[in-house]
Amino acid sequence: MGLKQNLHNLKEKYKGTKMAPAFNAIHTFLYLPNEVTHGGTHIKAADDLKRTMNIVIMSLLPILLFGMFNAGYQHYAAIDAAKGITKEFTVLGSFLTMDNFWIGIVKVLPLVIVSYGVGLIVEFIFAVIKGHEVEEGYLVTGMLVPLIVPIDTPLWMLAVAVVFGVVIGKEVFGGTGMNILNPALTIRAFLFFAYPTWMSGDKVWVHDAVNRVGTADAISGETILGSYAQNLTPKYDLWDAFFGFIPGSVGETSAFLILLGAAFLIFTKIGSWRIIVSTFIGAAVMGIIFNAIAANGIITETSKFYGLMSANWYEHLIIGGLAFGAVFMATDPVTASQTNKGKWIYGFLIGFISIMIRVFNPAYPEGVFLAILLMNVFAPTIDHYVVQGNVKRRLKRTKVKTA
């Protein structure tokens, strides 16, 4: 009660001042607000923006923990492979170890701290300047950002990107609920275009791979997409890719945990199942088309596009960042389509375009974030034409009845 009372006293002390939003944010983050509505008719519900954000974070925590273990596992596995050492994989013996988890603590936890620390500071500054309450939208963005970047991303680089993403991707549009671009993907896009050598290639996905270049025990962090982009056979099988025992961004490797997160979001009615399903359908359709092109000899095996075109369409669904993007990025309720039919179109085009970019850009064989950002821009247009189509159909029915 002492902490609660002290926070309440500070809240009352600074009430009506510039600093009021900052103290209100701290108070309501820890305790239920004591403000109630008066008069009028209101819908009573247990959910609010903060609870919604917390549910999404809960679905991301298993992915974060897995990514922390996988960071260490990929690091030590790559070192052993460089030395010619092969070990039989066991989950308890090789993966769930303190050595692996320590790498995750040292490398992944600082990414989370910087993401939240810098992002929330920017949010507090804008709340004080504009005189509005601190918005909870960054609670999810702050967790998403560390999961979609390479393990060795410099912290200063991440901090710069977070400032850019929060300011340009959200605040300039008016804050949470007003942005047209997903803030986390805006941050990822800034990193990719500003610092491309840190965001792509074979050496950024495994901890310490860059520092070992040119040494006797130099290690490779080549992903499955990277292997296909070079027309090589990946050294990981489909089950490794499905469960996530492969190199990649911190939180994008385990399709299994991502699908569990999707089930949780759909069950709690936070995530749109229409967008998730249609994204996978769009990706599958584009993958089948490319498989047909490769099988019919339209392109030769020497083509730089052949490797990714010939990859089985169902592999495209679980490798790279497609699954993570479909579940946690494309379903952002602010930047996605709002109409039911629009959600099907929106998701389908994200999946379709993602595989297209993935195949035709072998230098960076991952196009999910670009496809989602592109469709963020077109989501209002999709909804507009869906609504106009419904209006026209209703007008036609009205004319028939009055005739």
Protein backbone atom coordinates (compact mmCIF):
# COMPACT_ATOMS: atom_id res chain seq x y z
CA MET A 1 0.00 0.00 0.00
CA GLY A 2 2.92 2.33 0.61
CA LEU A 3 4.07 2.31 -3.01
CA LYS A 4 0.51 2.67 -4.25
CA GLN A 5 -0.15 5.60 -1.93
CA ASN A 6 3.11 7.32 -2.91
CA LEU A 7 2.30 6.98 -6.59
CA HIS A 8 -1.19 8.26 -5.97
CA ASN A 9 0.21 11.28 -4.10
CA LEU A 10 2.62 12.03 -6.96
CA LYS A 11 -0.23 11.68 -9.43
CA GLU A 12 -2.32 14.19 -7.47
CA LYS A 13 0.65 16.52 -7.00
CA TYR A 14 1.36 16.76 -10.72
CA LYS A 15 -2.29 16.68 -11.80
CA GLY A 16 -2.88 19.25 -14.50
CA THR A 17 0.83 19.79 -15.15
CA LYS A 18 3.02 18.75 -18.07
CA MET A 19 4.35 15.76 -16.13
CA ALA A 20 0.90 14.37 -15.31
CA PRO A 21 0.84 11.86 -18.21
CA ALA A 22 4.14 10.34 -17.09
CA PHE A 23 2.98 9.71 -13.51
CA ASN A 24 -0.42 8.51 -14.70
CA ALA A 25 1.28 5.95 -16.94
CA ILE A 26 3.38 4.54 -14.09
CA HIS A 27 0.39 4.47 -11.75
CA THR A 28 -2.01 2.75 -14.16
CA PHE A 29 0.66 0.30 -15.32
CA LEU A 30 0.98 -1.06 -11.79
CA TYR A 31 -2.56 -0.53 -10.51
CA LEU A 32 -6.11 -0.44 -11.83
CA PRO A 33 -7.23 3.15 -12.54
CA ASN A 34 -9.77 4.50 -10.04
CA GLU A 35 -11.59 6.49 -12.71
CA VAL A 36 -15.06 5.43 -13.88
CA THR A 37 -17.44 6.69 -16.53
CA HIS A 38 -20.47 8.78 -15.60
CA GLY A 39 -23.77 8.95 -17.43
CA GLY A 40 -24.81 7.62 -20.79
CA THR A 41 -24.85 4.06 -22.04
CA HIS A 42 -21.61 2.13 -22.06
CA ILE A 43 -20.58 -1.37 -23.05
CA LYS A 44 -19.21 -3.26 -20.08
CA ALA A 45 -16.19 -5.45 -20.89
CA ALA A 46 -13.18 -6.75 -19.03
CA ASP A 47 -10.74 -6.02 -21.83
CA ASP A 48 -8.96 -2.75 -22.53
CA LEU A 49 -5.92 -1.72 -24.56
CA LYS A 50 -3.50 -2.64 -21.79
CA ARG A 51 -4.98 -6.11 -21.33
CA THR A 52 -4.98 -6.64 -25.09
CA MET A 53 -1.31 -5.74 -25.30
CA ASN A 54 -0.49 -8.03 -22.37
CA ILE A 55 -2.21 -10.98 -24.07
CA VAL A 56 -0.04 -10.49 -27.16
CA ILE A 57 3.07 -10.28 -24.97
CA MET A 58 2.05 -13.52 -23.25
CA SER A 59 1.90 -15.24 -26.65
CA LEU A 60 5.38 -13.92 -27.48
CA LEU A 61 7.14 -14.96 -24.25
CA PRO A 62 7.60 -18.66 -25.20
CA ILE A 63 9.07 -17.53 -28.53
CA LEU A 64 11.45 -15.16 -26.74
CA LEU A 65 12.63 -17.89 -24.34
CA PHE A 66 13.12 -20.34 -27.19
CA GLY A 67 15.08 -17.70 -29.13
CA MET A 68 17.38 -17.20 -26.15
CA PHE A 69 18.20 -20.92 -25.99
CA ASN A 70 18.50 -21.14 -29.77
CA ALA A 71 20.98 -18.25 -29.85
CA GLY A 72 23.43 -20.25 -27.74
CA TYR A 73 22.67 -23.55 -29.45
CA GLN A 74 23.38 -22.16 -32.94
CA HIS A 75 26.56 -20.49 -31.69
CA TYR A 76 28.08 -23.65 -30.20
CA ALA A 77 26.76 -25.91 -32.97
CA ALA A 78 28.41 -23.72 -35.61
CA ILE A 79 31.72 -23.78 -33.72
CA ASP A 80 31.58 -27.58 -33.47
CA ALA A 81 30.74 -27.86 -37.17
CA ALA A 82 33.70 -25.65 -38.07
CA LYS A 83 35.95 -28.02 -36.12
CA GLY A 84 34.44 -31.08 -37.75
CA ILE A 85 32.67 -32.17 -34.58
CA THR A 86 29.22 -33.71 -34.99
CA LYS A 87 26.97 -34.37 -32.03
CA GLU A 88 23.70 -36.23 -31.84
CA PHE A 89 20.99 -33.71 -31.10
CA THR A 90 18.85 -34.09 -28.00
CA VAL A 91 16.58 -31.40 -26.66
CA LEU A 92 17.63 -31.77 -23.04
CA GLY A 93 21.28 -32.58 -23.68
CA SER A 94 22.10 -30.16 -26.48
CA PHE A 95 19.48 -27.41 -26.48
CA LEU A 96 18.12 -26.73 -22.98
CA THR A 97 21.46 -25.97 -21.35
CA MET A 98 22.65 -23.06 -19.22
CA ASP A 99 25.51 -22.41 -21.66
CA ASN A 100 23.00 -21.84 -24.44
CA PHE A 101 20.72 -19.78 -22.23
CA TRP A 102 23.61 -17.62 -21.05
CA ILE A 103 24.31 -16.56 -24.64
CA GLY A 104 20.65 -15.62 -24.88
CA ILE A 105 20.83 -13.59 -21.67
CA VAL A 106 23.97 -11.76 -22.78
CA LYS A 107 22.82 -11.05 -26.34
CA VAL A 108 19.02 -11.12 -26.45
CA LEU A 109 18.10 -9.54 -23.11
CA PRO A 110 19.99 -6.28 -23.88
CA LEU A 111 18.06 -6.04 -27.16
CA VAL A 112 14.80 -6.25 -25.21
CA ILE A 113 15.97 -3.69 -22.63
CA VAL A 114 17.14 -1.18 -25.25
CA SER A 115 13.98 -1.66 -27.31
CA TYR A 116 11.70 -0.99 -24.35
CA GLY A 117 13.88 1.63 -22.71
CA VAL A 118 14.38 3.85 -25.76
CA GLY A 119 10.87 3.35 -27.09
CA LEU A 120 9.14 4.18 -23.83
CA ILE A 121 11.34 7.24 -23.29
CA VAL A 122 10.20 8.55 -26.68
CA GLU A 123 6.59 7.74 -25.79
CA PHE A 124 6.89 9.61 -22.46
CA ILE A 125 8.47 12.64 -24.16
CA PHE A 126 5.66 12.89 -26.70
CA ALA A 127 3.04 12.39 -23.98
CA VAL A 128 4.50 15.28 -21.96
CA ILE A 129 4.86 17.54 -25.01
CA LYS A 130 1.36 16.83 -26.34
CA GLY A 131 -0.27 16.62 -22.93
CA HIS A 132 -1.99 13.26 -23.53
CA GLU A 133 -1.79 9.98 -21.67
CA VAL A 134 1.08 7.58 -22.40
CA GLU A 135 -0.27 5.01 -24.85
CA GLU A 136 0.15 1.27 -24.32
CA GLY A 137 0.75 0.44 -27.98
CA TYR A 138 4.52 0.24 -27.56
CA LEU A 139 4.22 -2.59 -25.04
CA VAL A 140 3.89 -5.03 -27.96
CA THR A 141 6.18 -3.17 -30.35
CA GLY A 142 8.94 -3.21 -27.76
CA MET A 143 8.73 -7.01 -27.57
CA LEU A 144 8.43 -7.55 -31.33
CA VAL A 145 11.50 -5.55 -32.29
CA PRO A 146 14.13 -7.77 -30.56
CA LEU A 147 12.50 -10.85 -32.10
CA ILE A 148 12.85 -9.70 -35.71
CA VAL A 149 16.50 -8.60 -35.72
CA PRO A 150 19.75 -10.60 -35.96
CA ILE A 151 21.34 -11.69 -32.70
CA ASP A 152 24.41 -9.44 -32.95
CA THR A 153 22.61 -6.21 -33.90
CA PRO A 154 24.58 -3.37 -32.20
CA LEU A 155 22.59 -1.79 -29.39
CA TRP A 156 23.26 1.78 -30.53
CA MET A 157 21.97 0.84 -33.98
CA LEU A 158 18.80 -0.60 -32.49
CA ALA A 159 18.32 2.52 -30.36
CA VAL A 160 18.55 4.81 -33.40
CA ALA A 161 16.10 2.62 -35.32
CA VAL A 162 13.62 2.57 -32.43
CA VAL A 163 13.62 6.37 -32.21
CA PHE A 164 13.02 6.57 -35.96
CA GLY A 165 10.28 3.94 -35.91
CA VAL A 166 8.36 5.42 -32.98
CA VAL A 167 8.60 9.02 -34.20
CA ILE A 168 8.15 8.52 -37.95
CA GLY A 169 6.14 5.32 -37.86
CA LYS A 170 3.64 6.35 -35.19
CA GLU A 171 3.89 9.70 -33.43
CA VAL A 172 3.84 11.88 -36.55
CA PHE A 173 0.50 10.28 -37.44
CA GLY A 174 -0.99 11.04 -34.03
CA GLY A 175 0.10 8.08 -31.89
CA THR A 176 -1.41 4.67 -31.18
CA GLY A 177 -4.45 3.94 -33.32
CA MET A 178 -3.59 6.60 -35.90
CA ASN A 179 -0.47 5.15 -37.56
CA ILE A 180 -0.71 3.69 -41.07
CA LEU A 181 2.51 1.62 -40.82
CA ASN A 182 3.36 -1.09 -38.33
CA PRO A 183 5.93 0.57 -36.00
CA ALA A 184 7.96 -2.63 -35.44
CA LEU A 185 8.27 -3.21 -39.19
CA THR A 186 9.12 0.45 -39.71
CA ILE A 187 12.02 -0.07 -37.30
CA ARG A 188 13.05 -3.24 -39.18
CA ALA A 189 12.87 -1.45 -42.53
CA PHE A 190 15.03 1.40 -41.23
CA LEU A 191 17.66 -1.08 -40.04
CA PHE A 192 17.64 -2.94 -43.34
CA PHE A 193 18.04 0.11 -45.56
CA ALA A 194 20.36 2.07 -43.23
CA TYR A 195 22.62 -0.81 -42.16
CA PRO A 196 22.16 -3.59 -44.77
CA THR A 197 25.38 -5.45 -43.94
CA TRP A 198 24.11 -6.04 -40.40
CA MET A 199 20.70 -7.25 -41.56
CA SER A 200 21.51 -9.74 -44.32
CA GLY A 201 24.13 -12.24 -45.42
CA ASP A 202 25.38 -15.52 -43.96
CA LYS A 203 27.23 -14.14 -40.94
CA VAL A 204 24.60 -12.15 -39.05
CA TRP A 205 22.27 -14.91 -37.88
CA VAL A 206 24.66 -16.75 -35.53
CA HIS A 207 26.31 -15.05 -32.57
CA ASP A 208 29.99 -14.20 -33.11
CA ALA A 209 30.06 -15.46 -36.71
CA VAL A 210 31.22 -12.06 -38.01
CA ASN A 211 34.13 -11.88 -35.53
CA ARG A 212 35.41 -15.30 -36.59
CA VAL A 213 35.71 -14.53 -40.29
CA GLY A 214 39.21 -15.38 -41.50
CA THR A 215 40.13 -17.42 -38.44
CA ALA A 216 40.82 -21.14 -38.25
CA ASP A 217 37.48 -21.81 -36.57
CA ALA A 218 35.41 -19.44 -38.76
CA ILE A 219 31.74 -20.37 -38.55
CA SER A 220 28.84 -19.94 -40.95
CA GLY A 221 25.37 -18.81 -40.06
CA GLU A 222 23.75 -19.63 -43.35
CA THR A 223 19.97 -19.92 -43.20
CA ILE A 224 17.75 -22.21 -45.26
CA LEU A 225 16.69 -19.28 -47.40
CA GLY A 226 20.34 -18.33 -47.89
CA SER A 227 21.14 -21.85 -49.09
CA TYR A 228 18.25 -21.88 -51.58
CA ALA A 229 19.22 -18.40 -52.80
CA GLN A 230 22.66 -19.82 -53.72
CA ASN A 231 21.11 -22.91 -55.37
CA LEU A 232 22.49 -25.09 -52.58
CA THR A 233 20.80 -27.89 -50.66
CA PRO A 234 20.06 -26.72 -47.09
CA LYS A 235 21.78 -28.66 -44.31
CA TYR A 236 18.66 -28.50 -42.13
CA ASP A 237 15.66 -30.76 -42.60
CA LEU A 238 12.03 -29.73 -42.54
CA TRP A 239 11.49 -30.75 -38.91
CA ASP A 240 14.44 -28.62 -37.79
CA ALA A 241 12.82 -25.70 -39.58
CA PHE A 242 9.37 -26.40 -38.15
CA PHE A 243 10.50 -26.62 -34.53
CA GLY A 244 13.06 -23.81 -34.94
CA PHE A 245 16.49 -25.41 -34.45
CA ILE A 246 17.94 -23.28 -37.26
CA PRO A 247 19.72 -19.91 -37.61
CA GLY A 248 17.61 -16.83 -38.13
CA SER A 249 16.24 -13.76 -36.40
CA VAL A 250 15.82 -14.21 -32.66
CA GLY A 251 12.11 -15.03 -32.68
CA GLU A 252 11.32 -16.09 -36.23
CA THR A 253 12.72 -19.63 -36.35
CA SER A 254 10.15 -21.78 -34.52
CA ALA A 255 7.03 -22.15 -36.67
CA PHE A 256 5.68 -24.53 -34.03
CA LEU A 257 5.69 -21.93 -31.24
CA ILE A 258 4.47 -19.24 -33.61
CA LEU A 259 1.46 -21.39 -34.52
CA LEU A 260 0.77 -21.99 -30.83
CA GLY A 261 0.86 -18.22 -30.37
CA ALA A 262 -1.55 -17.87 -33.29
CA ALA A 263 -3.96 -20.34 -31.68
CA PHE A 264 -3.81 -18.37 -28.42
CA LEU A 265 -4.46 -15.03 -30.17
CA ILE A 266 -7.36 -16.48 -32.15
CA PHE A 267 -8.85 -18.09 -29.03
CA THR A 268 -8.69 -14.79 -27.15
CA LYS A 269 -10.08 -12.98 -30.24
CA ILE A 270 -7.08 -10.67 -30.39
CA GLY A 271 -5.66 -11.88 -33.72
CA SER A 272 -7.68 -12.19 -36.93
CA TRP A 273 -7.79 -15.79 -38.14
CA ARG A 274 -8.88 -14.54 -41.57
CA ILE A 275 -5.65 -12.59 -42.04
CA ILE A 276 -3.47 -15.44 -40.74
CA VAL A 277 -5.11 -18.11 -42.89
CA SER A 278 -5.27 -15.96 -46.04
CA THR A 279 -1.60 -15.00 -45.68
CA PHE A 280 -0.61 -18.67 -45.68
CA ILE A 281 -2.95 -19.33 -48.61
CA GLY A 282 -1.43 -16.48 -50.63
CA ALA A 283 2.09 -17.73 -49.91
CA ALA A 284 1.11 -21.29 -50.85
CA VAL A 285 -0.43 -20.17 -54.15
CA MET A 286 2.67 -18.21 -55.12
CA GLY A 287 4.88 -21.13 -54.06
CA ILE A 288 2.86 -23.58 -56.18
CA ILE A 289 3.14 -21.27 -59.18
CA PHE A 290 6.92 -21.08 -58.79
CA ASN A 291 7.15 -24.86 -58.31
CA ALA A 292 5.28 -25.33 -61.60
CA ILE A 293 7.63 -22.91 -63.37
CA ALA A 294 10.71 -24.76 -62.06
CA ALA A 295 9.27 -28.23 -62.79
CA ASN A 296 8.33 -27.39 -66.37
CA GLY A 297 11.82 -26.22 -67.25
CA ILE A 298 10.80 -22.62 -67.90
CA ILE A 299 13.97 -21.62 -66.05
CA THR A 300 17.19 -23.63 -65.93
CA GLU A 301 18.96 -24.98 -62.87
CA THR A 302 21.74 -22.47 -63.43
CA SER A 303 19.34 -19.54 -62.94
CA LYS A 304 19.85 -17.59 -59.75
CA PHE A 305 16.11 -17.92 -59.11
CA TYR A 306 15.97 -21.71 -59.47
CA GLY A 307 16.82 -22.65 -55.89
CA LEU A 308 14.02 -20.65 -54.27
CA MET A 309 11.56 -21.43 -57.07
CA SER A 310 12.14 -25.17 -56.73
CA ALA A 311 11.78 -25.17 -52.94
CA ASN A 312 8.57 -26.99 -52.03
CA TRP A 313 5.70 -24.59 -51.55
CA TYR A 314 5.05 -25.84 -48.03
CA GLU A 315 8.67 -25.12 -47.08
CA HIS A 316 8.08 -21.46 -47.86
CA LEU A 317 5.39 -21.40 -45.17
CA ILE A 318 7.71 -22.37 -42.31
CA ILE A 319 11.11 -20.94 -43.24
CA GLY A 320 12.12 -17.32 -42.94
CA GLY A 321 9.85 -14.82 -41.27
CA LEU A 322 6.59 -15.62 -43.05
CA ALA A 323 4.88 -17.37 -40.14
CA PHE A 324 5.94 -14.72 -37.61
CA GLY A 325 4.87 -11.93 -39.93
CA ALA A 326 1.50 -13.53 -40.65
CA VAL A 327 0.66 -14.06 -36.98
CA PHE A 328 2.13 -11.06 -35.16
CA MET A 329 2.64 -8.36 -37.79
CA ALA A 330 -0.03 -8.67 -40.45
CA THR A 331 -2.76 -8.94 -37.79
CA ASP A 332 -1.98 -5.55 -36.22
CA PRO A 333 -5.55 -4.19 -35.82
CA VAL A 334 -4.50 -0.60 -36.50
CA THR A 335 -2.67 -1.07 -39.81
CA ALA A 336 -4.58 -4.07 -41.21
CA SER A 337 -7.85 -4.11 -43.13
CA GLN A 338 -10.95 -3.76 -40.96
CA THR A 339 -13.65 -5.42 -43.10
CA ASN A 340 -13.96 -9.20 -43.17
CA LYS A 341 -13.66 -9.46 -46.95
CA GLY A 342 -10.86 -6.92 -46.88
CA LYS A 343 -8.94 -9.09 -44.39
CA TRP A 344 -9.01 -12.01 -46.83
CA ILE A 345 -7.72 -9.85 -49.67
CA TYR A 346 -5.17 -8.11 -47.45
CA GLY A 347 -3.72 -11.34 -46.05
CA PHE A 348 -3.69 -13.13 -49.39
CA LEU A 349 -1.71 -10.34 -51.05
CA ILE A 350 0.79 -10.25 -48.16
CA GLY A 351 1.56 -13.96 -48.58
CA PHE A 352 1.57 -13.77 -52.37
CA ILE A 353 3.90 -10.76 -52.54
CA SER A 354 6.16 -12.11 -49.77
CA ILE A 355 7.10 -15.20 -51.77
CA MET A 356 7.46 -13.15 -54.93
CA ILE A 357 9.96 -10.79 -53.28
CA ARG A 358 11.70 -13.74 -51.62
CA VAL A 359 12.33 -15.45 -54.98
CA PHE A 360 13.17 -12.45 -57.14
CA ASN A 361 15.54 -10.87 -54.62
CA PRO A 362 18.15 -13.59 -53.91
CA ALA A 363 20.51 -11.03 -52.36
CA TYR A 364 17.98 -10.66 -49.56
CA PRO A 365 15.69 -13.70 -49.74
CA GLU A 366 13.07 -12.44 -47.32
CA GLY A 367 10.27 -10.12 -48.31
CA VAL A 368 7.69 -10.51 -45.56
CA PHE A 369 8.27 -7.17 -43.85
CA LEU A 370 8.26 -5.32 -47.17
CA ALA A 371 5.03 -7.03 -48.23
CA ILE A 372 3.29 -6.19 -44.94
CA LEU A 373 4.40 -2.56 -45.05
CA LEU A 374 3.19 -2.31 -48.66
CA MET A 375 -0.21 -3.73 -47.74
CA ASN A 376 -0.40 -1.46 -44.67
CA VAL A 377 -0.48 1.41 -47.15
CA PHE A 378 -3.17 -0.22 -49.29
CA ALA A 379 -5.34 -1.54 -46.42
CA PRO A 380 -7.59 1.58 -46.33
CA THR A 381 -8.04 1.37 -50.10
CA ILE A 382 -9.04 -2.29 -49.88
CA ASP A 383 -11.60 -1.49 -47.18
CA HIS A 384 -12.91 1.45 -49.20
CA TYR A 385 -13.68 -0.70 -52.24
CA VAL A 386 -15.15 -3.47 -50.09
CA VAL A 387 -17.51 -0.98 -48.42
CA GLN A 388 -18.40 0.64 -51.75
CA GLY A 389 -19.14 -2.80 -53.20
CA ASN A 390 -21.50 -3.53 -50.31
CA VAL A 391 -23.22 -0.15 -50.77
CA LYS A 392 -23.76 -0.79 -54.48
CA ARG A 393 -25.23 -4.24 -53.83
CA ARG A 394 -27.63 -2.84 -51.24
CA LEU A 395 -28.69 -0.05 -53.61
CA LYS A 396 -29.41 -2.63 -56.31
CA ARG A 397 -31.57 -4.66 -53.92
CA THR A 398 -33.42 -1.49 -52.91
CA LYS A 399 -34.15 -0.62 -56.54
CA VAL A 400 -35.45 -4.14 -57.23
CA LYS A 401 -37.82 -3.98 -54.23
CA THR A 402 -39.20 -0.54 -55.18
CA ALA A 403 -39.63 -1.44 -58.85
